[in-house]
Amino acid sequence: MTSYVYFEDDQLSGEIMSLTLNFQLGITDLTIWNDSVDFMPRLRSLCVLPEVIFLDIHIGPTDGFGILKGIRADTAFDSAKIVAVTAGVTGDEVDQLQMAGFDGAIGKPIEIATFPEVLARIMRGERVWQCM
């Protein structure tokens, strides 16, 4: 069973992700956290380690780049796909996301029509930058 985690401080964005994963893809194992307080202990406490972690770049107190760094430092999460979810990204910001080590980026609001294929490509190991 694939487990997903989404760090998102905007309630509507979290609901859209939940509905999209549930109704379009039949995925029910989604944990949404609305802040990044104690993010590593929370991730480690999950019954099933997530295979996909979506990170809102502007969440706090630790931003998406800081969360990514913490996750990448823990070998238990080596196989996890980590995807930035953000609004209003420029070409320079995509370069920053790529250099930081994200497996992809998805723009907000999520494009429901293309999201299943984008997620499938990321799960296959492709780096997808659908945020411009």
C-alpha atoms as a PDB file:
ATOM      1  CA  MET A   1       0.000   0.000   0.000  1.00  0.00           C
ATOM      2  CA  THR A   2       1.384   3.377  -1.012  1.00  0.00           C
ATOM      3  CA  SER A   3       1.347   5.981   1.724  1.00  0.00           C
ATOM      4  CA  TYR A   4       1.345   9.730   1.062  1.00  0.00           C
ATOM      5  CA  VAL A   5       2.124  12.738   3.257  1.00  0.00           C
ATOM      6  CA  TYR A   6       1.349  16.351   2.414  1.00  0.00           C
ATOM      7  CA  PHE A   7       2.751  19.300   4.363  1.00  0.00           C
ATOM      8  CA  GLU A   8       0.325  22.113   3.521  1.00  0.00           C
ATOM      9  CA  ASP A   9      -0.736  25.139   5.561  1.00  0.00           C
ATOM     10  CA  ASP A  10      -3.599  26.110   3.229  1.00  0.00           C
ATOM     11  CA  GLN A  11      -6.695  24.094   4.149  1.00  0.00           C
ATOM     12  CA  LEU A  12      -8.283  24.354   0.695  1.00  0.00           C
ATOM     13  CA  SER A  13      -5.130  23.070  -1.026  1.00  0.00           C
ATOM     14  CA  GLY A  14      -5.062  20.136   1.372  1.00  0.00           C
ATOM     15  CA  GLU A  15      -8.694  19.324   0.670  1.00  0.00           C
ATOM     16  CA  ILE A  16      -8.136  19.482  -3.086  1.00  0.00           C
ATOM     17  CA  MET A  17      -5.179  17.090  -2.811  1.00  0.00           C
ATOM     18  CA  SER A  18      -7.181  14.735  -0.607  1.00  0.00           C
ATOM     19  CA  LEU A  19     -10.173  14.702  -2.957  1.00  0.00           C
ATOM     20  CA  THR A  20      -7.968  14.286  -6.025  1.00  0.00           C
ATOM     21  CA  LEU A  21      -6.036  11.348  -4.589  1.00  0.00           C
ATOM     22  CA  ASN A  22      -9.147   9.723  -3.167  1.00  0.00           C
ATOM     23  CA  PHE A  23     -11.677  10.119  -5.963  1.00  0.00           C
ATOM     24  CA  GLN A  24      -9.406  10.059  -9.017  1.00  0.00           C
ATOM     25  CA  LEU A  25      -6.891   7.491  -7.862  1.00  0.00           C
ATOM     26  CA  GLY A  26      -8.641   5.611  -5.055  1.00  0.00           C
ATOM     27  CA  ILE A  27      -5.868   6.498  -2.598  1.00  0.00           C
ATOM     28  CA  THR A  28      -6.966   6.773   0.994  1.00  0.00           C
ATOM     29  CA  ASP A  29      -3.645   6.621   2.869  1.00  0.00           C
ATOM     30  CA  LEU A  30      -2.919  10.363   2.947  1.00  0.00           C
ATOM     31  CA  THR A  31      -1.691  12.242   5.981  1.00  0.00           C
ATOM     32  CA  ILE A  32      -1.904  16.031   5.852  1.00  0.00           C
ATOM     33  CA  TRP A  33      -0.040  18.219   8.308  1.00  0.00           C
ATOM     34  CA  ASN A  34      -0.731  21.958   8.370  1.00  0.00           C
ATOM     35  CA  ASP A  35       2.686  22.914   9.764  1.00  0.00           C
ATOM     36  CA  SER A  36       6.210  21.553   9.909  1.00  0.00           C
ATOM     37  CA  VAL A  37       6.702  21.486  13.668  1.00  0.00           C
ATOM     38  CA  ASP A  38       8.674  18.352  14.656  1.00  0.00           C
ATOM     39  CA  PHE A  39       8.349  17.063  11.102  1.00  0.00           C
ATOM     40  CA  MET A  40      10.949  14.277  11.374  1.00  0.00           C
ATOM     41  CA  PRO A  41       9.552  12.689  14.561  1.00  0.00           C
ATOM     42  CA  ARG A  42       6.070  12.844  13.005  1.00  0.00           C
ATOM     43  CA  LEU A  43       7.262  11.188   9.804  1.00  0.00           C
ATOM     44  CA  ARG A  44       9.097   8.471  11.737  1.00  0.00           C
ATOM     45  CA  SER A  45       6.001   7.800  13.864  1.00  0.00           C
ATOM     46  CA  LEU A  46       3.822   6.798  10.914  1.00  0.00           C
ATOM     47  CA  CYS A  47       2.849   3.109  10.753  1.00  0.00           C
ATOM     48  CA  VAL A  48       3.861   3.010   7.079  1.00  0.00           C
ATOM     49  CA  LEU A  49       6.663   5.239   5.820  1.00  0.00           C
ATOM     50  CA  PRO A  50       5.415   7.412   2.978  1.00  0.00           C
ATOM     51  CA  GLU A  51       6.443   6.664  -0.587  1.00  0.00           C
ATOM     52  CA  VAL A  52       5.451  10.141  -1.704  1.00  0.00           C
ATOM     53  CA  ILE A  53       5.873  13.343   0.294  1.00  0.00           C
ATOM     54  CA  PHE A  54       4.354  16.559  -1.044  1.00  0.00           C
ATOM     55  CA  LEU A  55       5.877  19.737   0.396  1.00  0.00           C
ATOM     56  CA  ASP A  56       4.391  23.199   0.322  1.00  0.00           C
ATOM     57  CA  ILE A  57       7.501  25.336  -0.079  1.00  0.00           C
ATOM     58  CA  HIS A  58       6.191  28.190   2.084  1.00  0.00           C
ATOM     59  CA  ILE A  59       5.013  26.177   5.094  1.00  0.00           C
ATOM     60  CA  GLY A  60       6.439  27.030   8.505  1.00  0.00           C
ATOM     61  CA  PRO A  61       8.175  27.097  10.820  1.00  0.00           C
ATOM     62  CA  THR A  62      10.545  25.029   8.631  1.00  0.00           C
ATOM     63  CA  ASP A  63      10.047  25.718   4.924  1.00  0.00           C
ATOM     64  CA  GLY A  64       9.906  23.064   2.225  1.00  0.00           C
ATOM     65  CA  PHE A  65      13.636  23.302   1.527  1.00  0.00           C
ATOM     66  CA  GLY A  66      14.430  22.663   5.197  1.00  0.00           C
ATOM     67  CA  ILE A  67      12.009  19.742   5.358  1.00  0.00           C
ATOM     68  CA  LEU A  68      13.557  18.275   2.205  1.00  0.00           C
ATOM     69  CA  LYS A  69      17.039  18.540   3.713  1.00  0.00           C
ATOM     70  CA  GLY A  70      15.910  16.773   6.893  1.00  0.00           C
ATOM     71  CA  ILE A  71      14.189  13.968   5.016  1.00  0.00           C
ATOM     72  CA  ARG A  72      17.104  13.428   2.627  1.00  0.00           C
ATOM     73  CA  ALA A  73      19.456  13.106   5.625  1.00  0.00           C
ATOM     74  CA  ASP A  74      17.465  10.120   6.972  1.00  0.00           C
ATOM     75  CA  THR A  75      18.190   6.883   5.087  1.00  0.00           C
ATOM     76  CA  ALA A  76      14.793   5.454   6.090  1.00  0.00           C
ATOM     77  CA  PHE A  77      13.305   7.767   3.464  1.00  0.00           C
ATOM     78  CA  ASP A  78      15.797   7.058   0.657  1.00  0.00           C
ATOM     79  CA  SER A  79      13.116   5.630  -1.625  1.00  0.00           C
ATOM     80  CA  ALA A  80      10.533   8.363  -0.963  1.00  0.00           C
ATOM     81  CA  LYS A  81       9.621  10.663  -3.828  1.00  0.00           C
ATOM     82  CA  ILE A  82       9.600  14.252  -2.589  1.00  0.00           C
ATOM     83  CA  VAL A  83       7.560  16.710  -4.621  1.00  0.00           C
ATOM     84  CA  ALA A  84       7.354  20.470  -4.160  1.00  0.00           C
ATOM     85  CA  VAL A  85       3.832  21.864  -4.379  1.00  0.00           C
ATOM     86  CA  THR A  86       3.876  25.599  -4.835  1.00  0.00           C
ATOM     87  CA  ALA A  87       2.226  28.557  -6.527  1.00  0.00           C
ATOM     88  CA  GLY A  88       3.760  31.180  -8.770  1.00  0.00           C
ATOM     89  CA  VAL A  89       7.077  29.537  -9.594  1.00  0.00           C
ATOM     90  CA  THR A  90       9.499  31.224 -11.990  1.00  0.00           C
ATOM     91  CA  GLY A  91      12.207  29.537 -14.050  1.00  0.00           C
ATOM     92  CA  ASP A  92      14.862  30.501 -11.501  1.00  0.00           C
ATOM     93  CA  GLU A  93      12.810  28.979  -8.700  1.00  0.00           C
ATOM     94  CA  VAL A  94      12.443  25.724 -10.666  1.00  0.00           C
ATOM     95  CA  ASP A  95      16.240  25.652 -10.914  1.00  0.00           C
ATOM     96  CA  GLN A  96      16.429  26.054  -7.106  1.00  0.00           C
ATOM     97  CA  LEU A  97      13.961  23.186  -6.599  1.00  0.00           C
ATOM     98  CA  GLN A  98      15.941  20.948  -8.937  1.00  0.00           C
ATOM     99  CA  MET A  99      19.291  21.786  -7.343  1.00  0.00           C
ATOM    100  CA  ALA A 100      17.842  21.243  -3.850  1.00  0.00           C
ATOM    101  CA  GLY A 101      16.987  17.642  -4.738  1.00  0.00           C
ATOM    102  CA  PHE A 102      13.236  17.561  -5.217  1.00  0.00           C
ATOM    103  CA  ASP A 103      11.932  14.733  -7.418  1.00  0.00           C
ATOM    104  CA  GLY A 104       9.510  17.123  -9.080  1.00  0.00           C
ATOM    105  CA  ALA A 105       7.245  20.090  -8.606  1.00  0.00           C
ATOM    106  CA  ILE A 106       3.540  20.621  -9.091  1.00  0.00           C
ATOM    107  CA  GLY A 107       1.955  24.042  -9.306  1.00  0.00           C
ATOM    108  CA  LYS A 108      -1.013  25.188  -7.288  1.00  0.00           C
ATOM    109  CA  PRO A 109      -3.803  24.960  -7.865  1.00  0.00           C
ATOM    110  CA  ILE A 110      -3.383  21.316  -8.822  1.00  0.00           C
ATOM    111  CA  GLU A 111      -4.567  20.590 -12.347  1.00  0.00           C
ATOM    112  CA  ILE A 112      -6.962  17.757 -11.613  1.00  0.00           C
ATOM    113  CA  ALA A 113      -7.096  16.583 -15.245  1.00  0.00           C
ATOM    114  CA  THR A 114      -3.338  15.994 -15.527  1.00  0.00           C
ATOM    115  CA  PHE A 115      -2.463  15.161 -11.912  1.00  0.00           C
ATOM    116  CA  PRO A 116      -2.855  11.344 -12.178  1.00  0.00           C
ATOM    117  CA  GLU A 117      -0.413  11.132 -15.103  1.00  0.00           C
ATOM    118  CA  VAL A 118       2.046  13.524 -13.437  1.00  0.00           C
ATOM    119  CA  LEU A 119       1.988  11.449 -10.260  1.00  0.00           C
ATOM    120  CA  ALA A 120       2.427   8.210 -12.238  1.00  0.00           C
ATOM    121  CA  ARG A 121       5.460   9.663 -14.003  1.00  0.00           C
ATOM    122  CA  ILE A 122       6.995  10.739 -10.679  1.00  0.00           C
ATOM    123  CA  MET A 123       6.372   7.266  -9.232  1.00  0.00           C
ATOM    124  CA  ARG A 124       8.220   5.769 -12.234  1.00  0.00           C
ATOM    125  CA  GLY A 125      11.237   7.884 -11.331  1.00  0.00           C
ATOM    126  CA  GLU A 126      10.779  10.713 -13.832  1.00  0.00           C
ATOM    127  CA  ARG A 127      11.458  14.221 -12.636  1.00  0.00           C
ATOM    128  CA  VAL A 128       8.393  16.279 -13.509  1.00  0.00           C
ATOM    129  CA  TRP A 129       8.332  20.058 -13.243  1.00  0.00           C
ATOM    130  CA  GLN A 130       4.690  21.000 -13.870  1.00  0.00           C
ATOM    131  CA  CYS A 131       4.679  24.353 -12.162  1.00  0.00           C
ATOM    132  CA  MET A 132       5.215  27.016 -14.799  1.00  0.00           C
END
